[in-house]
Amino acid sequence: MTVDALKMAIENHVRVAFEYAGHHRVVVPMALGRDGSGDWQLRGLQVAGGSSSGSLGANVPKLWKLAGMSNVVPLGERFEIPQQYRRGDVSMSYIEAQL
């Protein structure tokens, strides 16, 4: 279900919220795929919420493993494609969805 929700959020350009490593995050999802080990991952730009580092990452897209996510919710808040985004994420051996 998480894969489907994230794929739909990417296709419809809507932000998502989820819990990860004990922090609530709001993210502009950019790409969804699998790494070389076959684990699902999400590339996105965190725009609100917390993180272990205490910052949003200075507008640098981050990578999250889906196995560590919980309470994934599409927010319905539309976004424009961020200028930081590049198609063909090299961290993913398979891409299911991308902007």
C-alpha atoms as a PDB file:
ATOM      1  CA  MET A   1       0.000   0.000   0.000  1.00  0.00           C
ATOM      2  CA  THR A   2       2.845   2.410   0.769  1.00  0.00           C
ATOM      3  CA  VAL A   3       4.330   1.883  -2.705  1.00  0.00           C
ATOM      4  CA  ASP A   4       0.959   2.617  -4.327  1.00  0.00           C
ATOM      5  CA  ALA A   5       0.378   5.735  -2.207  1.00  0.00           C
ATOM      6  CA  LEU A   6       3.836   7.123  -2.967  1.00  0.00           C
ATOM      7  CA  LYS A   7       3.546   6.328  -6.665  1.00  0.00           C
ATOM      8  CA  MET A   8       0.203   8.156  -6.824  1.00  0.00           C
ATOM      9  CA  ALA A   9       1.665  11.133  -4.931  1.00  0.00           C
ATOM     10  CA  ILE A  10       4.531  11.410  -7.437  1.00  0.00           C
ATOM     11  CA  GLU A  11       2.204  11.102 -10.426  1.00  0.00           C
ATOM     12  CA  ASN A  12      -0.206  13.723  -9.021  1.00  0.00           C
ATOM     13  CA  HIS A  13       2.500  16.054  -7.670  1.00  0.00           C
ATOM     14  CA  VAL A  14       1.220  16.055  -4.081  1.00  0.00           C
ATOM     15  CA  ARG A  15       3.239  16.194  -0.880  1.00  0.00           C
ATOM     16  CA  VAL A  16       3.331  13.272   1.530  1.00  0.00           C
ATOM     17  CA  ALA A  17       3.740  12.997   5.282  1.00  0.00           C
ATOM     18  CA  PHE A  18       5.261  10.071   7.140  1.00  0.00           C
ATOM     19  CA  GLU A  19       7.105   9.054  10.287  1.00  0.00           C
ATOM     20  CA  TYR A  20      10.751   8.044   9.914  1.00  0.00           C
ATOM     21  CA  ALA A  21      13.414   7.477  12.577  1.00  0.00           C
ATOM     22  CA  GLY A  22      11.152   8.974  15.249  1.00  0.00           C
ATOM     23  CA  HIS A  23      10.384  12.173  13.322  1.00  0.00           C
ATOM     24  CA  HIS A  24       7.324  13.423  11.460  1.00  0.00           C
ATOM     25  CA  ARG A  25       8.294  14.597   7.962  1.00  0.00           C
ATOM     26  CA  VAL A  26       6.560  16.382   5.097  1.00  0.00           C
ATOM     27  CA  VAL A  27       8.182  15.628   1.759  1.00  0.00           C
ATOM     28  CA  VAL A  28       7.935  16.515  -1.922  1.00  0.00           C
ATOM     29  CA  PRO A  29       8.294  13.005  -3.429  1.00  0.00           C
ATOM     30  CA  MET A  30      10.544  12.874  -6.491  1.00  0.00           C
ATOM     31  CA  ALA A  31      11.356   9.238  -7.275  1.00  0.00           C
ATOM     32  CA  LEU A  32      10.361   5.812  -6.006  1.00  0.00           C
ATOM     33  CA  GLY A  33      12.342   2.677  -6.734  1.00  0.00           C
ATOM     34  CA  ARG A  34      14.549  -0.129  -5.513  1.00  0.00           C
ATOM     35  CA  ASP A  35      18.206  -0.023  -4.573  1.00  0.00           C
ATOM     36  CA  GLY A  36      20.756  -2.648  -5.603  1.00  0.00           C
ATOM     37  CA  SER A  37      19.659  -4.881  -2.699  1.00  0.00           C
ATOM     38  CA  GLY A  38      16.023  -4.740  -3.824  1.00  0.00           C
ATOM     39  CA  ASP A  39      14.858  -2.488  -0.987  1.00  0.00           C
ATOM     40  CA  TRP A  40      12.231   0.128  -1.807  1.00  0.00           C
ATOM     41  CA  GLN A  41      13.350   3.732  -1.347  1.00  0.00           C
ATOM     42  CA  LEU A  42      11.988   7.232  -1.852  1.00  0.00           C
ATOM     43  CA  ARG A  43      13.941  10.261  -3.042  1.00  0.00           C
ATOM     44  CA  GLY A  44      12.374  13.533  -1.969  1.00  0.00           C
ATOM     45  CA  LEU A  45      12.804  17.039  -0.694  1.00  0.00           C
ATOM     46  CA  GLN A  46      11.848  17.461   2.957  1.00  0.00           C
ATOM     47  CA  VAL A  47       9.923  20.714   3.399  1.00  0.00           C
ATOM     48  CA  ALA A  48       8.691  20.430   6.998  1.00  0.00           C
ATOM     49  CA  GLY A  49       8.978  18.304  10.114  1.00  0.00           C
ATOM     50  CA  GLY A  50      11.955  17.041  12.042  1.00  0.00           C
ATOM     51  CA  SER A  51      15.058  14.978  11.414  1.00  0.00           C
ATOM     52  CA  SER A  52      17.907  13.413  13.337  1.00  0.00           C
ATOM     53  CA  SER A  53      20.252  16.140  12.080  1.00  0.00           C
ATOM     54  CA  GLY A  54      17.889  18.875  13.268  1.00  0.00           C
ATOM     55  CA  SER A  55      17.656  20.465   9.813  1.00  0.00           C
ATOM     56  CA  LEU A  56      15.659  19.960   6.638  1.00  0.00           C
ATOM     57  CA  GLY A  57      18.815  19.347   4.631  1.00  0.00           C
ATOM     58  CA  ALA A  58      19.346  22.776   3.049  1.00  0.00           C
ATOM     59  CA  ASN A  59      17.105  21.990   0.072  1.00  0.00           C
ATOM     60  CA  VAL A  60      19.089  18.882  -0.824  1.00  0.00           C
ATOM     61  CA  PRO A  61      16.952  15.858  -1.804  1.00  0.00           C
ATOM     62  CA  LYS A  62      17.161  12.994   0.705  1.00  0.00           C
ATOM     63  CA  LEU A  63      16.723   9.249   0.392  1.00  0.00           C
ATOM     64  CA  TRP A  64      14.476   7.198   2.727  1.00  0.00           C
ATOM     65  CA  LYS A  65      13.974   3.424   2.859  1.00  0.00           C
ATOM     66  CA  LEU A  66      10.300   2.479   2.804  1.00  0.00           C
ATOM     67  CA  ALA A  67      10.930  -0.208   5.413  1.00  0.00           C
ATOM     68  CA  GLY A  68      11.625   2.586   7.923  1.00  0.00           C
ATOM     69  CA  MET A  69       8.493   4.608   7.090  1.00  0.00           C
ATOM     70  CA  SER A  70       5.168   4.487   8.891  1.00  0.00           C
ATOM     71  CA  ASN A  71       1.883   6.399   8.656  1.00  0.00           C
ATOM     72  CA  VAL A  72       2.441   7.415   5.018  1.00  0.00           C
ATOM     73  CA  VAL A  73      -0.280   9.889   4.013  1.00  0.00           C
ATOM     74  CA  PRO A  74      -0.660  11.849   0.746  1.00  0.00           C
ATOM     75  CA  LEU A  75      -1.543  15.390   1.819  1.00  0.00           C
ATOM     76  CA  GLY A  76      -3.264  16.698  -1.288  1.00  0.00           C
ATOM     77  CA  GLU A  77      -0.964  19.752  -1.249  1.00  0.00           C
ATOM     78  CA  ARG A  78       0.239  20.148  -4.825  1.00  0.00           C
ATOM     79  CA  PHE A  79       3.816  21.157  -5.680  1.00  0.00           C
ATOM     80  CA  GLU A  80       5.835  22.281  -8.666  1.00  0.00           C
ATOM     81  CA  ILE A  81       8.779  20.111  -9.702  1.00  0.00           C
ATOM     82  CA  PRO A  82      11.753  21.326  -7.637  1.00  0.00           C
ATOM     83  CA  GLN A  83      14.756  22.600  -9.579  1.00  0.00           C
ATOM     84  CA  GLN A  84      16.975  20.253  -7.524  1.00  0.00           C
ATOM     85  CA  TYR A  85      15.325  17.195  -9.104  1.00  0.00           C
ATOM     86  CA  ARG A  86      17.142  15.118 -11.720  1.00  0.00           C
ATOM     87  CA  ARG A  87      15.512  12.175 -13.516  1.00  0.00           C
ATOM     88  CA  GLY A  88      17.191   8.777 -13.514  1.00  0.00           C
ATOM     89  CA  ASP A  89      18.229   8.593  -9.852  1.00  0.00           C
ATOM     90  CA  VAL A  90      21.556   6.720  -9.787  1.00  0.00           C
ATOM     91  CA  SER A  91      20.829   5.386  -6.266  1.00  0.00           C
ATOM     92  CA  MET A  92      18.065   3.240  -7.719  1.00  0.00           C
ATOM     93  CA  SER A  93      18.626   0.135  -9.797  1.00  0.00           C
ATOM     94  CA  TYR A  94      14.891   0.119 -10.660  1.00  0.00           C
ATOM     95  CA  ILE A  95      12.618   3.177 -10.788  1.00  0.00           C
ATOM     96  CA  GLU A  96       8.883   2.601 -10.349  1.00  0.00           C
ATOM     97  CA  ALA A  97       7.871   6.288 -10.544  1.00  0.00           C
ATOM     98  CA  GLN A  98       9.603   9.636 -10.990  1.00  0.00           C
ATOM     99  CA  LEU A  99       8.677  13.226 -11.733  1.00  0.00           C
END
